[in-house]
Amino acid sequence: MEKTKAAVIRAEYIEVEPNVRLHVTDAGEGRPIVLIHGWPLSDEMYEYQYHALIKNNFRAIGITLRGFGKSDKPYGEYDYNIHALDIKRILDTLDIKNAVLVGFSMGGSIAIRYVSKYKGAHISKLALCGAAAPIWTQRDDFPYNLLKSDVDDLIELNYKDRPKLLTDFAKIFSATETSLNEGIGSWLNGICLSASSYATAQCLIALRDTDLRSDLDKISIPTMIMHGKKDKICSFDLAEQMKAGIANSQLVEFEKSGHSMFLEETHKFNAELIKFAKE
């Protein structure tokens, strides 16, 4: 039987290449808001955004990147280009127009690459949330955030004791170790454990090595940068560098949040995103 357009639109899995299907949450009606998760989470991280977006007459589309969550987990490339291509293929399939692209942490880096590489195809606004950009690790001319050797240690720990890697990551995910309650922490940990070990390591390599400074110059659409002042994973310095590098951008500070502003200041996060999408 031939698929109706409605059936295609609401498909929970979309094939981006032979034998590689990505999980997609697709709900609501209205202007599309496309949400890209961070490392090593999945589109499930936006559980407390989906309802707010749908209630405010948006169509929420959460894409789980290959290697994570309920998406397929092939071996092969896991750089920002392959993730951007996967997003492009999904938005092509769904025939999306005039969307707001939202990227959290590594998802923000991938969103920047998408806009730069595909000249903003399908989207007209960009929201970067705790984005791991323009570079996640320090360079001679970029004295911000983590050392490359810190990330090397994370990759080594992934292959030795991945649960410990996730436990250590959780300790610095928020402003303090008790910013999120135990239940939310367990929920996040379960999502992270569903990633493949291979994808977890390969995306750390992409985070460590990719320089997006030249991509920032190519972004001309309205861009909102949301960033926690107490972020220990993507320091606030990164937000200021993105603001300086993206011409048509605004910076919204989350004074009480670490990296997990979408859970620490959920109401503000949702309100700012909705306001930006409605402008």
C-alpha atoms as a PDB file:
ATOM      1  CA  MET A   1       0.000   0.000   0.000  1.00  0.00           C
ATOM      2  CA  GLU A   2       1.334   3.435  -0.886  1.00  0.00           C
ATOM      3  CA  LYS A   3       2.120   5.571   2.150  1.00  0.00           C
ATOM      4  CA  THR A   4       0.020   8.660   2.614  1.00  0.00           C
ATOM      5  CA  LYS A   5       1.829  11.925   3.253  1.00  0.00           C
ATOM      6  CA  ALA A   6       0.498  11.915   6.827  1.00  0.00           C
ATOM      7  CA  ALA A   7       1.971   8.474   7.432  1.00  0.00           C
ATOM      8  CA  VAL A   8       5.372   9.610   6.169  1.00  0.00           C
ATOM      9  CA  ILE A   9       5.258  12.779   8.254  1.00  0.00           C
ATOM     10  CA  ARG A  10       4.529  10.913  11.474  1.00  0.00           C
ATOM     11  CA  ALA A  11       6.945   8.064  10.893  1.00  0.00           C
ATOM     12  CA  GLU A  12       8.861   7.246  14.069  1.00  0.00           C
ATOM     13  CA  TYR A  13      11.871   6.022  12.065  1.00  0.00           C
ATOM     14  CA  ILE A  14      13.282   7.554   8.900  1.00  0.00           C
ATOM     15  CA  GLU A  15      15.914   5.856   6.751  1.00  0.00           C
ATOM     16  CA  VAL A  16      18.816   8.197   5.958  1.00  0.00           C
ATOM     17  CA  GLU A  17      20.874   5.637   4.018  1.00  0.00           C
ATOM     18  CA  PRO A  18      20.477   1.914   3.335  1.00  0.00           C
ATOM     19  CA  ASN A  19      20.058   0.064   6.641  1.00  0.00           C
ATOM     20  CA  VAL A  20      20.441   3.216   8.775  1.00  0.00           C
ATOM     21  CA  ARG A  21      17.225   4.474  10.356  1.00  0.00           C
ATOM     22  CA  LEU A  22      17.050   7.361  12.798  1.00  0.00           C
ATOM     23  CA  HIS A  23      14.452   7.774  15.528  1.00  0.00           C
ATOM     24  CA  VAL A  24      12.284  10.885  15.200  1.00  0.00           C
ATOM     25  CA  THR A  25       9.766  12.332  17.642  1.00  0.00           C
ATOM     26  CA  ASP A  26       7.258  14.270  15.511  1.00  0.00           C
ATOM     27  CA  ALA A  27       4.222  15.778  17.203  1.00  0.00           C
ATOM     28  CA  GLY A  28       2.004  18.836  17.070  1.00  0.00           C
ATOM     29  CA  GLU A  29       0.943  21.211  14.326  1.00  0.00           C
ATOM     30  CA  GLY A  30       2.341  24.566  13.276  1.00  0.00           C
ATOM     31  CA  ARG A  31       5.748  26.046  12.599  1.00  0.00           C
ATOM     32  CA  PRO A  32       8.351  23.241  12.860  1.00  0.00           C
ATOM     33  CA  ILE A  33      10.929  23.358  15.635  1.00  0.00           C
ATOM     34  CA  VAL A  34      13.670  20.804  14.938  1.00  0.00           C
ATOM     35  CA  LEU A  35      15.596  19.725  18.035  1.00  0.00           C
ATOM     36  CA  ILE A  36      19.060  18.127  17.994  1.00  0.00           C
ATOM     37  CA  HIS A  37      20.312  16.550  21.221  1.00  0.00           C
ATOM     38  CA  GLY A  38      23.735  16.620  22.857  1.00  0.00           C
ATOM     39  CA  TRP A  39      26.365  13.957  23.551  1.00  0.00           C
ATOM     40  CA  PRO A  40      25.641  11.190  24.540  1.00  0.00           C
ATOM     41  CA  LEU A  41      21.888  11.743  24.887  1.00  0.00           C
ATOM     42  CA  SER A  42      18.979  11.280  22.453  1.00  0.00           C
ATOM     43  CA  ASP A  43      15.911  13.234  21.365  1.00  0.00           C
ATOM     44  CA  GLU A  44      14.287  11.998  24.595  1.00  0.00           C
ATOM     45  CA  MET A  45      16.222  14.724  26.467  1.00  0.00           C
ATOM     46  CA  TYR A  46      13.597  17.206  25.193  1.00  0.00           C
ATOM     47  CA  GLU A  47      10.709  15.502  27.040  1.00  0.00           C
ATOM     48  CA  TYR A  48      10.025  18.680  29.023  1.00  0.00           C
ATOM     49  CA  GLN A  49      10.139  20.850  25.909  1.00  0.00           C
ATOM     50  CA  TYR A  50       7.851  18.819  23.643  1.00  0.00           C
ATOM     51  CA  HIS A  51       4.653  19.440  25.598  1.00  0.00           C
ATOM     52  CA  ALA A  52       5.271  23.193  25.895  1.00  0.00           C
ATOM     53  CA  LEU A  53       6.004  23.506  22.174  1.00  0.00           C
ATOM     54  CA  ILE A  54       2.948  21.500  21.106  1.00  0.00           C
ATOM     55  CA  LYS A  55       0.706  23.450  23.501  1.00  0.00           C
ATOM     56  CA  ASN A  56       1.955  26.689  21.920  1.00  0.00           C
ATOM     57  CA  ASN A  57       1.028  25.561  18.402  1.00  0.00           C
ATOM     58  CA  PHE A  58       4.384  24.349  17.156  1.00  0.00           C
ATOM     59  CA  ARG A  59       5.305  21.106  15.456  1.00  0.00           C
ATOM     60  CA  ALA A  60       8.115  19.572  17.512  1.00  0.00           C
ATOM     61  CA  ILE A  61      10.537  17.342  15.611  1.00  0.00           C
ATOM     62  CA  GLY A  62      13.260  15.711  17.693  1.00  0.00           C
ATOM     63  CA  ILE A  63      15.941  13.822  15.779  1.00  0.00           C
ATOM     64  CA  THR A  64      18.153  11.228  17.459  1.00  0.00           C
ATOM     65  CA  LEU A  65      21.557  11.153  15.787  1.00  0.00           C
ATOM     66  CA  ARG A  66      22.981   7.893  14.490  1.00  0.00           C
ATOM     67  CA  GLY A  67      24.669   5.878  17.237  1.00  0.00           C
ATOM     68  CA  PHE A  68      22.449   7.201  20.021  1.00  0.00           C
ATOM     69  CA  GLY A  69      19.155   6.401  21.732  1.00  0.00           C
ATOM     70  CA  LYS A  70      16.729   4.436  19.588  1.00  0.00           C
ATOM     71  CA  SER A  71      18.472   5.258  16.295  1.00  0.00           C
ATOM     72  CA  ASP A  72      20.546   2.686  14.429  1.00  0.00           C
ATOM     73  CA  LYS A  73      24.173   2.404  15.494  1.00  0.00           C
ATOM     74  CA  PRO A  74      26.357   1.629  12.476  1.00  0.00           C
ATOM     75  CA  TYR A  75      30.134   1.664  12.455  1.00  0.00           C
ATOM     76  CA  GLY A  76      31.685   4.297  10.216  1.00  0.00           C
ATOM     77  CA  GLU A  77      31.849   8.093  10.188  1.00  0.00           C
ATOM     78  CA  TYR A  78      30.588  10.143  13.112  1.00  0.00           C
ATOM     79  CA  ASP A  79      31.885  13.606  12.288  1.00  0.00           C
ATOM     80  CA  TYR A  80      29.675  16.706  12.116  1.00  0.00           C
ATOM     81  CA  ASN A  81      29.294  16.383   8.345  1.00  0.00           C
ATOM     82  CA  ILE A  82      27.602  12.987   8.495  1.00  0.00           C
ATOM     83  CA  HIS A  83      25.229  14.144  11.226  1.00  0.00           C
ATOM     84  CA  ALA A  84      24.393  17.307   9.250  1.00  0.00           C
ATOM     85  CA  LEU A  85      23.702  15.179   6.165  1.00  0.00           C
ATOM     86  CA  ASP A  86      21.413  12.898   8.191  1.00  0.00           C
ATOM     87  CA  ILE A  87      19.452  15.939   9.390  1.00  0.00           C
ATOM     88  CA  LYS A  88      19.225  17.240   5.812  1.00  0.00           C
ATOM     89  CA  ARG A  89      17.864  13.913   4.580  1.00  0.00           C
ATOM     90  CA  ILE A  90      15.220  13.812   7.313  1.00  0.00           C
ATOM     91  CA  LEU A  91      14.100  17.390   6.647  1.00  0.00           C
ATOM     92  CA  ASP A  92      14.027  16.611   2.910  1.00  0.00           C
ATOM     93  CA  THR A  93      11.873  13.539   3.572  1.00  0.00           C
ATOM     94  CA  LEU A  94       9.473  15.483   5.778  1.00  0.00           C
ATOM     95  CA  ASP A  95       9.410  18.440   3.355  1.00  0.00           C
ATOM     96  CA  ILE A  96      10.063  20.883   6.197  1.00  0.00           C
ATOM     97  CA  LYS A  97       9.949  24.633   5.566  1.00  0.00           C
ATOM     98  CA  ASN A  98      10.643  27.729   7.690  1.00  0.00           C
ATOM     99  CA  ALA A  99      11.778  25.721  10.722  1.00  0.00           C
ATOM    100  CA  VAL A 100      13.640  26.794  13.827  1.00  0.00           C
ATOM    101  CA  LEU A 101      16.689  24.548  14.285  1.00  0.00           C
ATOM    102  CA  VAL A 102      17.625  23.992  17.927  1.00  0.00           C
ATOM    103  CA  GLY A 103      20.928  22.394  18.893  1.00  0.00           C
ATOM    104  CA  PHE A 104      22.078  21.547  22.417  1.00  0.00           C
ATOM    105  CA  SER A 105      25.781  21.052  23.243  1.00  0.00           C
ATOM    106  CA  MET A 106      27.231  18.820  20.483  1.00  0.00           C
ATOM    107  CA  GLY A 107      23.865  19.225  18.746  1.00  0.00           C
ATOM    108  CA  GLY A 108      24.610  22.944  18.624  1.00  0.00           C
ATOM    109  CA  SER A 109      27.913  22.275  16.886  1.00  0.00           C
ATOM    110  CA  ILE A 110      26.153  20.042  14.371  1.00  0.00           C
ATOM    111  CA  ALA A 111      23.437  22.681  13.851  1.00  0.00           C
ATOM    112  CA  ILE A 112      26.131  25.254  13.040  1.00  0.00           C
ATOM    113  CA  ARG A 113      27.696  22.878  10.514  1.00  0.00           C
ATOM    114  CA  TYR A 114      24.244  22.202   9.006  1.00  0.00           C
ATOM    115  CA  VAL A 115      23.455  25.887   8.499  1.00  0.00           C
ATOM    116  CA  SER A 116      26.933  26.575   7.129  1.00  0.00           C
ATOM    117  CA  LYS A 117      27.043  23.571   4.797  1.00  0.00           C
ATOM    118  CA  TYR A 118      23.476  23.641   3.480  1.00  0.00           C
ATOM    119  CA  LYS A 119      22.954  27.427   3.513  1.00  0.00           C
ATOM    120  CA  GLY A 120      20.096  27.087   5.966  1.00  0.00           C
ATOM    121  CA  ALA A 121      18.008  24.705   3.827  1.00  0.00           C
ATOM    122  CA  HIS A 122      14.572  24.110   5.410  1.00  0.00           C
ATOM    123  CA  ILE A 123      15.216  26.498   8.299  1.00  0.00           C
ATOM    124  CA  SER A 124      14.969  30.225   8.904  1.00  0.00           C
ATOM    125  CA  LYS A 125      16.154  30.557  12.528  1.00  0.00           C
ATOM    126  CA  LEU A 126      18.821  28.948  14.701  1.00  0.00           C
ATOM    127  CA  ALA A 127      18.874  28.421  18.486  1.00  0.00           C
ATOM    128  CA  LEU A 128      22.159  27.330  20.059  1.00  0.00           C
ATOM    129  CA  CYS A 129      21.805  26.005  23.606  1.00  0.00           C
ATOM    130  CA  GLY A 130      24.962  25.366  25.621  1.00  0.00           C
ATOM    131  CA  ALA A 131      26.590  24.732  22.255  1.00  0.00           C
ATOM    132  CA  ALA A 132      30.039  23.102  22.087  1.00  0.00           C
ATOM    133  CA  ALA A 133      31.217  25.753  19.648  1.00  0.00           C
ATOM    134  CA  PRO A 134      33.053  27.331  17.966  1.00  0.00           C
ATOM    135  CA  ILE A 135      35.686  24.925  19.382  1.00  0.00           C
ATOM    136  CA  TRP A 136      35.279  22.625  22.381  1.00  0.00           C
ATOM    137  CA  THR A 137      38.993  22.384  23.145  1.00  0.00           C
ATOM    138  CA  GLN A 138      41.799  24.880  23.486  1.00  0.00           C
ATOM    139  CA  ARG A 139      44.154  25.969  20.686  1.00  0.00           C
ATOM    140  CA  ASP A 140      47.147  28.321  20.637  1.00  0.00           C
ATOM    141  CA  ASP A 141      44.773  31.051  19.450  1.00  0.00           C
ATOM    142  CA  PHE A 142      41.722  29.845  21.414  1.00  0.00           C
ATOM    143  CA  PRO A 143      42.355  29.710  25.191  1.00  0.00           C
ATOM    144  CA  TYR A 144      38.852  28.555  26.173  1.00  0.00           C
ATOM    145  CA  ASN A 145      37.205  25.481  27.656  1.00  0.00           C
ATOM    146  CA  LEU A 146      38.818  22.024  27.885  1.00  0.00           C
ATOM    147  CA  LEU A 147      42.307  20.800  27.035  1.00  0.00           C
ATOM    148  CA  LYS A 148      42.563  18.193  24.290  1.00  0.00           C
ATOM    149  CA  SER A 149      44.226  15.885  26.826  1.00  0.00           C
ATOM    150  CA  ASP A 150      41.086  16.096  29.006  1.00  0.00           C
ATOM    151  CA  VAL A 151      39.043  14.702  26.127  1.00  0.00           C
ATOM    152  CA  ASP A 152      41.649  12.009  25.447  1.00  0.00           C
ATOM    153  CA  ASP A 153      41.084  10.866  29.042  1.00  0.00           C
ATOM    154  CA  LEU A 154      37.317  10.720  28.440  1.00  0.00           C
ATOM    155  CA  ILE A 155      37.804   8.582  25.325  1.00  0.00           C
ATOM    156  CA  GLU A 156      40.101   6.205  27.210  1.00  0.00           C
ATOM    157  CA  LEU A 157      37.582   5.916  30.056  1.00  0.00           C
ATOM    158  CA  ASN A 158      34.785   5.189  27.563  1.00  0.00           C
ATOM    159  CA  TYR A 159      36.566   2.041  26.460  1.00  0.00           C
ATOM    160  CA  LYS A 160      37.487   1.032  30.018  1.00  0.00           C
ATOM    161  CA  ASP A 161      34.432   1.913  32.112  1.00  0.00           C
ATOM    162  CA  ARG A 162      31.671   3.726  30.218  1.00  0.00           C
ATOM    163  CA  PRO A 163      29.258   3.825  33.197  1.00  0.00           C
ATOM    164  CA  LYS A 164      31.939   5.703  35.182  1.00  0.00           C
ATOM    165  CA  LEU A 165      32.389   8.123  32.278  1.00  0.00           C
ATOM    166  CA  LEU A 166      28.672   8.889  32.424  1.00  0.00           C
ATOM    167  CA  THR A 167      28.678   9.183  36.222  1.00  0.00           C
ATOM    168  CA  ASP A 168      31.602  11.620  36.101  1.00  0.00           C
ATOM    169  CA  PHE A 169      29.887  13.584  33.324  1.00  0.00           C
ATOM    170  CA  ALA A 170      26.671  13.799  35.360  1.00  0.00           C
ATOM    171  CA  LYS A 171      28.555  15.382  38.271  1.00  0.00           C
ATOM    172  CA  ILE A 172      29.452  18.426  36.159  1.00  0.00           C
ATOM    173  CA  PHE A 173      26.297  18.506  34.010  1.00  0.00           C
ATOM    174  CA  SER A 174      24.516  21.083  36.149  1.00  0.00           C
ATOM    175  CA  ALA A 175      25.424  24.100  38.273  1.00  0.00           C
ATOM    176  CA  THR A 176      25.889  21.827  41.313  1.00  0.00           C
ATOM    177  CA  GLU A 177      25.743  18.074  41.877  1.00  0.00           C
ATOM    178  CA  THR A 178      22.312  18.502  43.479  1.00  0.00           C
ATOM    179  CA  SER A 179      20.764  20.919  40.936  1.00  0.00           C
ATOM    180  CA  LEU A 180      18.834  18.009  39.414  1.00  0.00           C
ATOM    181  CA  ASN A 181      16.997  15.519  41.601  1.00  0.00           C
ATOM    182  CA  GLU A 182      17.932  11.842  41.736  1.00  0.00           C
ATOM    183  CA  GLY A 183      15.067  10.743  39.516  1.00  0.00           C
ATOM    184  CA  ILE A 184      15.963  13.146  36.714  1.00  0.00           C
ATOM    185  CA  GLY A 185      19.612  12.106  37.047  1.00  0.00           C
ATOM    186  CA  SER A 186      18.723   8.418  36.696  1.00  0.00           C
ATOM    187  CA  TRP A 187      16.517   9.184  33.685  1.00  0.00           C
ATOM    188  CA  LEU A 188      19.345  11.041  31.934  1.00  0.00           C
ATOM    189  CA  ASN A 189      21.806   8.271  32.750  1.00  0.00           C
ATOM    190  CA  GLY A 190      19.485   5.700  31.183  1.00  0.00           C
ATOM    191  CA  ILE A 191      19.309   7.733  27.982  1.00  0.00           C
ATOM    192  CA  CYS A 192      23.113   8.035  27.874  1.00  0.00           C
ATOM    193  CA  LEU A 193      23.611   4.297  28.442  1.00  0.00           C
ATOM    194  CA  SER A 194      21.504   3.599  25.333  1.00  0.00           C
ATOM    195  CA  ALA A 195      24.215   5.145  23.117  1.00  0.00           C
ATOM    196  CA  SER A 196      26.750   2.875  21.466  1.00  0.00           C
ATOM    197  CA  SER A 197      30.239   2.879  22.954  1.00  0.00           C
ATOM    198  CA  TYR A 198      31.664   3.412  19.479  1.00  0.00           C
ATOM    199  CA  ALA A 199      29.496   6.470  18.742  1.00  0.00           C
ATOM    200  CA  THR A 200      30.221   7.862  22.206  1.00  0.00           C
ATOM    201  CA  ALA A 201      33.968   7.777  21.489  1.00  0.00           C
ATOM    202  CA  GLN A 202      33.792   8.885  17.857  1.00  0.00           C
ATOM    203  CA  CYS A 203      31.703  11.937  18.756  1.00  0.00           C
ATOM    204  CA  LEU A 204      34.188  12.851  21.478  1.00  0.00           C
ATOM    205  CA  ILE A 205      36.858  12.838  18.758  1.00  0.00           C
ATOM    206  CA  ALA A 206      34.695  15.157  16.619  1.00  0.00           C
ATOM    207  CA  LEU A 207      34.103  17.425  19.611  1.00  0.00           C
ATOM    208  CA  ARG A 208      37.826  17.485  20.399  1.00  0.00           C
ATOM    209  CA  ASP A 209      39.071  18.174  16.893  1.00  0.00           C
ATOM    210  CA  THR A 210      36.493  20.242  14.974  1.00  0.00           C
ATOM    211  CA  ASP A 211      37.009  24.000  14.555  1.00  0.00           C
ATOM    212  CA  LEU A 212      33.786  25.768  13.557  1.00  0.00           C
ATOM    213  CA  ARG A 213      35.101  29.330  13.526  1.00  0.00           C
ATOM    214  CA  SER A 214      34.938  29.592   9.739  1.00  0.00           C
ATOM    215  CA  ASP A 215      31.370  28.182   9.825  1.00  0.00           C
ATOM    216  CA  LEU A 216      30.165  31.043  12.033  1.00  0.00           C
ATOM    217  CA  ASP A 217      30.847  33.578   9.269  1.00  0.00           C
ATOM    218  CA  LYS A 218      28.413  31.747   6.979  1.00  0.00           C
ATOM    219  CA  ILE A 219      25.418  32.061   9.324  1.00  0.00           C
ATOM    220  CA  SER A 220      23.145  34.951   8.363  1.00  0.00           C
ATOM    221  CA  ILE A 221      19.772  33.828   9.763  1.00  0.00           C
ATOM    222  CA  PRO A 222      18.520  35.135  13.136  1.00  0.00           C
ATOM    223  CA  THR A 223      20.339  33.206  15.865  1.00  0.00           C
ATOM    224  CA  MET A 224      19.658  32.955  19.591  1.00  0.00           C
ATOM    225  CA  ILE A 225      22.432  31.725  21.874  1.00  0.00           C
ATOM    226  CA  MET A 226      21.217  30.370  25.245  1.00  0.00           C
ATOM    227  CA  HIS A 227      23.958  29.509  27.719  1.00  0.00           C
ATOM    228  CA  GLY A 228      24.333  28.781  31.424  1.00  0.00           C
ATOM    229  CA  LYS A 229      26.654  31.124  33.316  1.00  0.00           C
ATOM    230  CA  LYS A 230      27.831  28.172  35.467  1.00  0.00           C
ATOM    231  CA  ASP A 231      28.434  25.745  32.599  1.00  0.00           C
ATOM    232  CA  LYS A 232      31.391  23.432  33.325  1.00  0.00           C
ATOM    233  CA  ILE A 233      31.162  21.449  30.068  1.00  0.00           C
ATOM    234  CA  CYS A 234      30.867  24.328  27.579  1.00  0.00           C
ATOM    235  CA  SER A 235      32.120  27.401  29.425  1.00  0.00           C
ATOM    236  CA  PHE A 236      30.310  30.712  29.053  1.00  0.00           C
ATOM    237  CA  ASP A 237      33.358  31.973  27.141  1.00  0.00           C
ATOM    238  CA  LEU A 238      32.137  29.847  24.227  1.00  0.00           C
ATOM    239  CA  ALA A 239      28.796  31.687  24.161  1.00  0.00           C
ATOM    240  CA  GLU A 240      30.618  35.008  23.967  1.00  0.00           C
ATOM    241  CA  GLN A 241      32.797  33.710  21.119  1.00  0.00           C
ATOM    242  CA  MET A 242      29.706  32.544  19.210  1.00  0.00           C
ATOM    243  CA  LYS A 243      27.993  35.892  19.783  1.00  0.00           C
ATOM    244  CA  ALA A 244      31.062  37.676  18.384  1.00  0.00           C
ATOM    245  CA  GLY A 245      31.282  35.333  15.381  1.00  0.00           C
ATOM    246  CA  ILE A 246      27.614  35.138  14.281  1.00  0.00           C
ATOM    247  CA  ALA A 247      26.450  38.401  12.757  1.00  0.00           C
ATOM    248  CA  ASN A 248      22.721  38.289  13.463  1.00  0.00           C
ATOM    249  CA  SER A 249      22.804  36.802  16.962  1.00  0.00           C
ATOM    250  CA  GLN A 250      21.511  37.517  20.453  1.00  0.00           C
ATOM    251  CA  LEU A 251      22.750  36.032  23.734  1.00  0.00           C
ATOM    252  CA  VAL A 252      20.389  34.939  26.512  1.00  0.00           C
ATOM    253  CA  GLU A 253      22.145  34.226  29.809  1.00  0.00           C
ATOM    254  CA  PHE A 254      20.926  31.599  32.272  1.00  0.00           C
ATOM    255  CA  GLU A 255      22.299  32.884  35.558  1.00  0.00           C
ATOM    256  CA  LYS A 256      21.359  29.860  37.702  1.00  0.00           C
ATOM    257  CA  SER A 257      22.267  27.076  35.271  1.00  0.00           C
ATOM    258  CA  GLY A 258      25.170  24.892  34.401  1.00  0.00           C
ATOM    259  CA  HIS A 259      25.087  22.881  31.174  1.00  0.00           C
ATOM    260  CA  SER A 260      21.584  21.491  31.724  1.00  0.00           C
ATOM    261  CA  MET A 261      19.623  24.765  31.508  1.00  0.00           C
ATOM    262  CA  PHE A 262      16.758  22.919  29.783  1.00  0.00           C
ATOM    263  CA  LEU A 263      16.192  21.089  33.098  1.00  0.00           C
ATOM    264  CA  GLU A 264      17.569  23.590  35.639  1.00  0.00           C
ATOM    265  CA  GLU A 265      15.583  26.563  34.318  1.00  0.00           C
ATOM    266  CA  THR A 266      12.995  24.711  32.233  1.00  0.00           C
ATOM    267  CA  HIS A 267      10.336  27.409  32.306  1.00  0.00           C
ATOM    268  CA  LYS A 268      12.745  30.114  31.160  1.00  0.00           C
ATOM    269  CA  PHE A 269      14.277  27.829  28.526  1.00  0.00           C
ATOM    270  CA  ASN A 270      10.882  26.974  27.026  1.00  0.00           C
ATOM    271  CA  ALA A 271       9.639  30.564  27.215  1.00  0.00           C
ATOM    272  CA  GLU A 272      12.733  31.986  25.484  1.00  0.00           C
ATOM    273  CA  LEU A 273      12.567  29.350  22.742  1.00  0.00           C
ATOM    274  CA  ILE A 274       8.849  29.929  22.143  1.00  0.00           C
ATOM    275  CA  LYS A 275       9.298  33.718  22.091  1.00  0.00           C
ATOM    276  CA  PHE A 276      12.181  33.431  19.602  1.00  0.00           C
ATOM    277  CA  ALA A 277      10.196  31.051  17.366  1.00  0.00           C
ATOM    278  CA  LYS A 278       7.186  33.383  17.338  1.00  0.00           C
ATOM    279  CA  GLU A 279       9.157  36.542  16.464  1.00  0.00           C
END
